[in-house]
Amino acid sequence: MATKRIPIYFYYVNVMPIGNGAGDTELNWDTFLNDFREMLGNLENVDLPQRKETFEKDERVVWLDSCPKLNNCEIDLVIKSAKYNHVRDVIDTENMTEKGQLKNPCDGDEEKTHLCLRYHSSNEQMICLFGSNYYGVAIGKVLTYLSIKMQKWCTEQQKPSSYSFGKEIMPGDEFLRELRRMDKISLVTLTLDTNDFQDDFLHLAGRDEARKTVDVQIRKARRSVNIPLNLVENYYQETGAQQKIKKLTVEGRNDSGSIKIDTESIQMKQAIDVELSEYTREIVSSSFFTEAQAILDSMRISAS
């Protein structure tokens, strides 16, 4: 069977509770995980028209195909999508016979996107291993789809609160490798949530138009002094979904010249070899999840 090497990316998944008419509420992980698993199980078993969501701006429909693994702490999902309004003339590439248009505007080619969600009770966060598919949907669209379905289900079940999903990139060790190659560090920028930045002048603004994050710049004290490497490494340890530093940007020089690195551009990623179906050349889902779980186990990113 043919195989293909595909990139997989890692994210922190933020779960934001939404109160029904009473403002935001505190997140209870046990309640959320039970609700999320029940919603997915119900969604998996309804008819396709009820599973889909149409994103008109993207001219794409998205739906849940299956949940090969579904428990409170470990969830594997196969998301399908199809882009419509893309009709082209078809030609037989062997004998160059023109076949005309074989699709209607509402027809779309099915594409599969795979992801693994893992909840860690030790630090109360959910991470996502996401299989990249150029023709499929991005992680943001998947989380938007899940948010829509989660909120619809909570309304139907008359739940006191609902949830929406967001993401943050999980920085990779390559950031540290690039950092340690730097001979001089001249500027460090910390991107913080405004709620974690206690400044009277900032909070005096009190306007929705203001950004939800604030950048704090740390410059070297004088020209002949560099910012210490171990200080930046300590800041790096405070980055991530549950940490106060949302993004870390470092400017300086290495043996190639001036360089600027940040934790969003240098993302944790791996690559896995997966089997492809014989005719459609799609990824075989069982192969993806087997290889993905091996990566999670080797990195000790498993449910706890």
Protein backbone atom coordinates (compact mmCIF):
# COMPACT_ATOMS: atom_id res chain seq x y z
CA MET A 1 0.00 0.00 0.00
CA ALA A 2 1.25 3.49 -0.84
CA THR A 3 2.33 5.77 1.98
CA LYS A 4 2.80 9.49 2.38
CA ARG A 5 4.68 11.62 4.90
CA ILE A 6 2.48 14.39 6.30
CA PRO A 7 3.20 17.17 8.83
CA ILE A 8 1.31 17.28 12.09
CA TYR A 9 1.07 20.34 14.32
CA PHE A 10 0.40 20.82 18.01
CA TYR A 11 -1.94 23.35 19.61
CA TYR A 12 -3.38 24.22 22.98
CA VAL A 13 -7.18 24.27 22.74
CA ASN A 14 -8.86 26.91 24.87
CA VAL A 15 -12.36 26.18 26.15
CA MET A 16 -14.36 29.31 26.92
CA PRO A 17 -17.60 28.84 28.90
CA ILE A 18 -20.56 31.03 27.91
CA GLY A 19 -23.33 31.76 30.38
CA ASN A 20 -26.89 31.85 29.02
CA GLY A 21 -27.91 35.43 29.65
CA ALA A 22 -25.94 35.68 32.87
CA GLY A 23 -22.51 36.56 31.51
CA ASP A 24 -19.48 34.34 31.36
CA THR A 25 -19.17 31.55 33.88
CA GLU A 26 -16.32 29.53 35.37
CA LEU A 27 -15.19 26.44 33.46
CA ASN A 28 -15.80 23.12 35.16
CA TRP A 29 -13.68 20.62 33.23
CA ASP A 30 -15.61 17.52 34.33
CA THR A 31 -18.92 19.04 33.25
CA PHE A 32 -17.48 20.29 29.97
CA LEU A 33 -15.82 16.98 29.06
CA ASN A 34 -19.03 15.07 29.72
CA ASP A 35 -21.02 17.55 27.64
CA PHE A 36 -18.48 17.54 24.81
CA ARG A 37 -18.33 13.74 24.61
CA GLU A 38 -22.12 13.46 24.70
CA MET A 39 -22.50 16.12 21.99
CA LEU A 40 -20.00 14.39 19.70
CA GLY A 41 -21.61 10.99 20.23
CA ASN A 42 -25.02 12.42 19.39
CA LEU A 43 -23.69 14.32 16.37
CA GLU A 44 -21.96 11.23 14.99
CA ASN A 45 -25.28 9.39 14.86
CA VAL A 46 -27.53 11.96 13.16
CA ASP A 47 -28.06 12.24 9.42
CA LEU A 48 -25.47 14.04 7.30
CA PRO A 49 -27.60 17.14 6.59
CA GLN A 50 -27.83 17.74 10.36
CA ARG A 51 -24.11 17.25 10.83
CA LYS A 52 -22.96 19.78 8.25
CA GLU A 53 -22.28 23.48 8.61
CA THR A 54 -22.00 25.72 5.57
CA PHE A 55 -19.35 28.43 5.49
CA GLU A 56 -20.61 30.54 2.62
CA LYS A 57 -17.65 32.92 2.55
CA ASP A 58 -15.31 29.96 2.04
CA GLU A 59 -17.78 28.16 -0.27
CA ARG A 60 -17.21 25.07 1.85
CA VAL A 61 -19.29 22.67 3.92
CA VAL A 62 -17.83 20.93 6.98
CA TRP A 63 -19.16 17.97 8.93
CA LEU A 64 -18.13 15.40 11.50
CA ASP A 65 -17.45 12.07 9.83
CA SER A 66 -16.58 9.86 12.80
CA CYS A 67 -15.12 9.64 16.30
CA PRO A 68 -12.83 6.57 16.27
CA LYS A 69 -11.92 7.23 19.91
CA LEU A 70 -14.33 9.01 22.21
CA ASN A 71 -13.95 9.28 25.97
CA ASN A 72 -13.64 12.21 28.32
CA CYS A 73 -9.86 12.53 28.11
CA GLU A 74 -9.03 11.11 24.65
CA ILE A 75 -10.91 12.10 21.52
CA ASP A 76 -9.99 11.30 17.92
CA LEU A 77 -12.00 13.02 15.19
CA VAL A 78 -12.32 12.68 11.43
CA ILE A 79 -13.68 15.89 9.96
CA LYS A 80 -14.81 15.97 6.34
CA SER A 81 -15.21 18.99 4.10
CA ALA A 82 -16.12 19.80 0.51
CA LYS A 83 -15.56 22.97 -1.47
CA TYR A 84 -18.38 23.85 -3.86
CA ASN A 85 -18.71 26.34 -6.76
CA HIS A 86 -15.44 25.08 -8.20
CA VAL A 87 -16.27 23.47 -11.52
CA ARG A 88 -13.53 22.78 -14.06
CA ASP A 89 -13.24 21.07 -17.43
CA VAL A 90 -11.85 17.53 -17.08
CA ILE A 91 -9.31 15.97 -19.42
CA ASP A 92 -7.96 12.42 -19.58
CA THR A 93 -4.23 12.98 -19.03
CA GLU A 94 -3.22 9.72 -20.77
CA ASN A 95 -4.83 10.26 -24.19
CA MET A 96 -5.77 13.96 -23.74
CA THR A 97 -9.47 13.35 -24.35
CA GLU A 98 -11.59 16.27 -23.17
CA LYS A 99 -14.49 15.13 -20.99
CA GLY A 100 -16.12 18.47 -20.24
CA GLN A 101 -17.55 19.44 -16.87
CA LEU A 102 -18.34 16.40 -14.72
CA LYS A 103 -19.51 18.31 -11.61
CA ASN A 104 -22.41 20.60 -10.81
CA PRO A 105 -21.71 23.84 -8.92
CA CYS A 106 -23.07 22.31 -5.70
CA ASP A 107 -20.81 19.25 -6.00
CA GLY A 108 -17.58 19.12 -4.02
CA ASP A 109 -14.72 16.68 -3.55
CA GLU A 110 -14.68 15.18 -0.06
CA GLU A 111 -11.54 15.84 1.97
CA LYS A 112 -10.62 14.35 5.33
CA THR A 113 -8.93 16.16 8.19
CA HIS A 114 -7.75 14.28 11.28
CA LEU A 115 -7.12 15.49 14.80
CA CYS A 116 -6.47 14.08 18.26
CA LEU A 117 -7.62 15.91 21.39
CA ARG A 118 -6.08 15.04 24.75
CA TYR A 119 -7.06 16.46 28.14
CA HIS A 120 -4.51 16.66 30.94
CA SER A 121 -6.05 16.81 34.40
CA SER A 122 -2.67 17.59 35.97
CA ASN A 123 -2.60 21.09 34.48
CA GLU A 124 -6.22 21.36 33.28
CA GLN A 125 -5.61 21.92 29.60
CA MET A 126 -6.46 20.27 26.31
CA ILE A 127 -3.95 19.82 23.54
CA CYS A 128 -4.56 19.01 19.90
CA LEU A 129 -2.47 17.04 17.42
CA PHE A 130 -3.63 18.18 13.99
CA GLY A 131 -2.93 16.49 10.68
CA SER A 132 -2.24 19.03 7.94
CA ASN A 133 -4.23 18.61 4.71
CA TYR A 134 -3.81 21.36 2.13
CA TYR A 135 -7.19 20.60 0.58
CA GLY A 136 -8.99 20.06 3.89
CA VAL A 137 -9.84 22.58 6.60
CA ALA A 138 -7.56 24.47 8.96
CA ILE A 139 -7.61 24.03 12.72
CA GLY A 140 -9.43 27.36 13.16
CA LYS A 141 -12.32 26.24 10.95
CA VAL A 142 -12.57 22.91 12.77
CA LEU A 143 -12.82 24.70 16.13
CA THR A 144 -15.42 27.10 14.72
CA TYR A 145 -17.45 24.11 13.52
CA LEU A 146 -17.21 22.42 16.93
CA SER A 147 -18.17 25.67 18.68
CA ILE A 148 -21.31 25.99 16.54
CA LYS A 149 -22.35 22.39 17.14
CA MET A 150 -21.55 22.59 20.86
CA GLN A 151 -23.67 25.71 21.32
CA LYS A 152 -26.59 24.26 19.35
CA TRP A 153 -26.50 21.08 21.41
CA CYS A 154 -26.36 22.96 24.73
CA THR A 155 -29.37 25.05 23.67
CA GLU A 156 -31.33 21.95 22.66
CA GLN A 157 -30.46 20.25 25.94
CA GLN A 158 -31.34 23.43 27.89
CA LYS A 159 -27.92 23.48 29.50
CA PRO A 160 -27.24 26.43 31.85
CA SER A 161 -24.07 27.29 29.91
CA SER A 162 -22.37 26.59 26.60
CA TYR A 163 -18.82 26.67 25.27
CA SER A 164 -16.70 27.98 22.45
CA PHE A 165 -13.22 26.91 21.36
CA GLY A 166 -10.05 28.77 20.55
CA LYS A 167 -6.44 27.80 19.94
CA GLU A 168 -2.91 28.78 20.76
CA ILE A 169 0.17 27.48 19.01
CA MET A 170 2.31 25.13 21.05
CA PRO A 171 5.89 26.39 20.66
CA GLY A 172 8.50 23.86 19.61
CA ASP A 173 11.99 23.13 20.85
CA GLU A 174 13.33 24.59 17.60
CA PHE A 175 12.72 28.00 19.16
CA LEU A 176 15.26 27.19 21.88
CA ARG A 177 17.73 25.88 19.31
CA GLU A 178 17.49 29.11 17.32
CA LEU A 179 17.70 31.14 20.50
CA ARG A 180 20.92 29.42 21.59
CA ARG A 181 22.49 30.12 18.20
CA MET A 182 22.19 33.85 18.83
CA ASP A 183 25.41 35.67 19.73
CA LYS A 184 23.66 38.85 20.83
CA ILE A 185 20.14 39.46 22.15
CA SER A 186 19.12 43.11 21.95
CA LEU A 187 15.32 43.09 22.36
CA VAL A 188 12.77 40.78 23.95
CA THR A 189 9.02 41.37 23.52
CA LEU A 190 6.52 39.67 25.83
CA THR A 191 2.91 39.54 24.64
CA LEU A 192 0.58 39.37 27.64
CA ASP A 193 -3.16 39.23 28.15
CA THR A 194 -4.42 42.61 29.34
CA ASN A 195 -6.10 40.91 32.31
CA ASP A 196 -2.69 39.69 33.49
CA PHE A 197 -1.04 43.08 33.07
CA GLN A 198 -1.76 45.22 36.09
CA ASP A 199 -1.40 48.79 34.89
CA ASP A 200 -3.77 51.56 35.97
CA PHE A 201 -3.31 53.57 32.78
CA LEU A 202 -4.10 50.56 30.59
CA HIS A 203 -7.28 49.71 32.46
CA LEU A 204 -8.40 53.35 32.47
CA ALA A 205 -9.04 52.98 28.74
CA GLY A 206 -11.85 50.49 29.38
CA ARG A 207 -12.81 50.31 25.70
CA ASP A 208 -13.76 47.38 23.51
CA GLU A 209 -11.66 48.85 20.70
CA ALA A 210 -8.47 48.27 22.68
CA ARG A 211 -6.46 45.13 21.92
CA LYS A 212 -6.88 42.22 24.33
CA THR A 213 -3.11 41.83 24.57
CA VAL A 214 -0.29 44.19 25.41
CA ASP A 215 3.37 44.01 24.35
CA VAL A 216 6.07 44.58 26.96
CA GLN A 217 9.54 45.27 25.54
CA ILE A 218 12.73 44.49 27.41
CA ARG A 219 15.79 46.24 26.00
CA LYS A 220 19.41 45.84 26.99
CA ALA A 221 20.60 48.35 29.57
CA ARG A 222 23.42 49.78 27.47
CA ARG A 223 25.14 49.20 24.17
CA SER A 224 27.93 46.96 25.44
CA VAL A 225 25.61 44.65 27.41
CA ASN A 226 23.41 41.88 25.99
CA ILE A 227 20.21 40.48 27.44
CA PRO A 228 21.19 37.20 29.18
CA LEU A 229 20.22 33.98 27.41
CA ASN A 230 19.03 32.32 30.63
CA LEU A 231 16.61 35.22 31.24
CA VAL A 232 14.96 34.60 27.85
CA GLU A 233 14.85 30.85 28.54
CA ASN A 234 13.03 31.56 31.80
CA TYR A 235 10.50 33.67 29.90
CA TYR A 236 10.08 30.81 27.42
CA GLN A 237 9.07 28.48 30.23
CA GLU A 238 6.18 30.84 30.97
CA THR A 239 4.71 30.67 27.46
CA GLY A 240 1.69 28.58 26.49
CA ALA A 241 -2.05 28.32 26.89
CA GLN A 242 -2.10 28.30 30.68
CA GLN A 243 0.78 30.75 31.15
CA LYS A 244 0.77 34.52 31.28
CA ILE A 245 3.10 35.02 28.33
CA LYS A 246 1.11 34.38 25.15
CA LYS A 247 3.94 35.06 22.73
CA LEU A 248 7.68 35.62 23.04
CA THR A 249 9.64 37.53 20.37
CA VAL A 250 13.43 37.83 20.41
CA GLU A 251 15.63 40.06 18.22
CA GLY A 252 19.39 39.90 17.94
CA ARG A 253 22.20 38.45 15.85
CA ASN A 254 23.68 35.07 15.03
CA ASP A 255 26.52 33.98 12.75
CA SER A 256 24.32 34.76 9.69
CA GLY A 257 23.44 38.31 10.72
CA SER A 258 20.36 39.95 12.21
CA ILE A 259 17.55 37.59 13.21
CA LYS A 260 14.09 37.77 14.73
CA ILE A 261 12.32 34.71 16.12
CA ASP A 262 9.02 34.18 17.94
CA THR A 263 7.14 31.30 19.52
CA GLU A 264 4.24 31.53 17.05
CA SER A 265 6.35 31.18 13.91
CA ILE A 266 8.40 28.31 15.32
CA GLN A 267 5.69 25.83 16.17
CA MET A 268 5.95 22.33 17.56
CA LYS A 269 5.54 19.92 14.68
CA GLN A 270 6.35 16.36 13.69
CA ALA A 271 5.90 14.21 10.60
CA ILE A 272 4.36 10.76 10.28
CA ASP A 273 4.13 8.21 7.47
CA VAL A 274 0.53 7.21 6.79
CA GLU A 275 -1.09 4.75 4.42
CA LEU A 276 -3.13 5.99 1.45
CA SER A 277 -6.24 4.42 -0.03
CA GLU A 278 -5.63 2.74 -3.37
CA TYR A 279 -7.90 4.83 -5.61
CA THR A 280 -8.73 8.12 -3.88
CA ARG A 281 -5.21 8.54 -2.42
CA GLU A 282 -6.82 9.73 0.80
CA ILE A 283 -5.19 9.09 4.16
CA VAL A 284 -6.37 5.86 5.78
CA SER A 285 -7.77 7.10 9.10
CA SER A 286 -6.79 4.04 11.13
CA SER A 287 -3.18 4.46 9.96
CA PHE A 288 -3.17 8.14 10.92
CA PHE A 289 -4.45 7.54 14.44
CA THR A 290 -2.05 4.65 15.05
CA GLU A 291 0.94 6.77 14.05
CA ALA A 292 -0.37 9.83 15.87
CA GLN A 293 -0.82 7.89 19.11
CA ALA A 294 2.75 6.63 18.82
CA ILE A 295 3.95 10.24 18.59
CA LEU A 296 1.83 11.23 21.58
CA ASP A 297 3.19 8.32 23.61
CA SER A 298 6.79 9.08 22.70
CA MET A 299 6.35 12.71 23.69
CA ARG A 300 4.38 11.69 26.77
CA ILE A 301 1.45 13.73 25.55
CA SER A 302 -1.28 11.32 26.54
CA ALA A 303 -4.39 11.73 28.62
CA SER A 304 -3.78 11.67 32.38
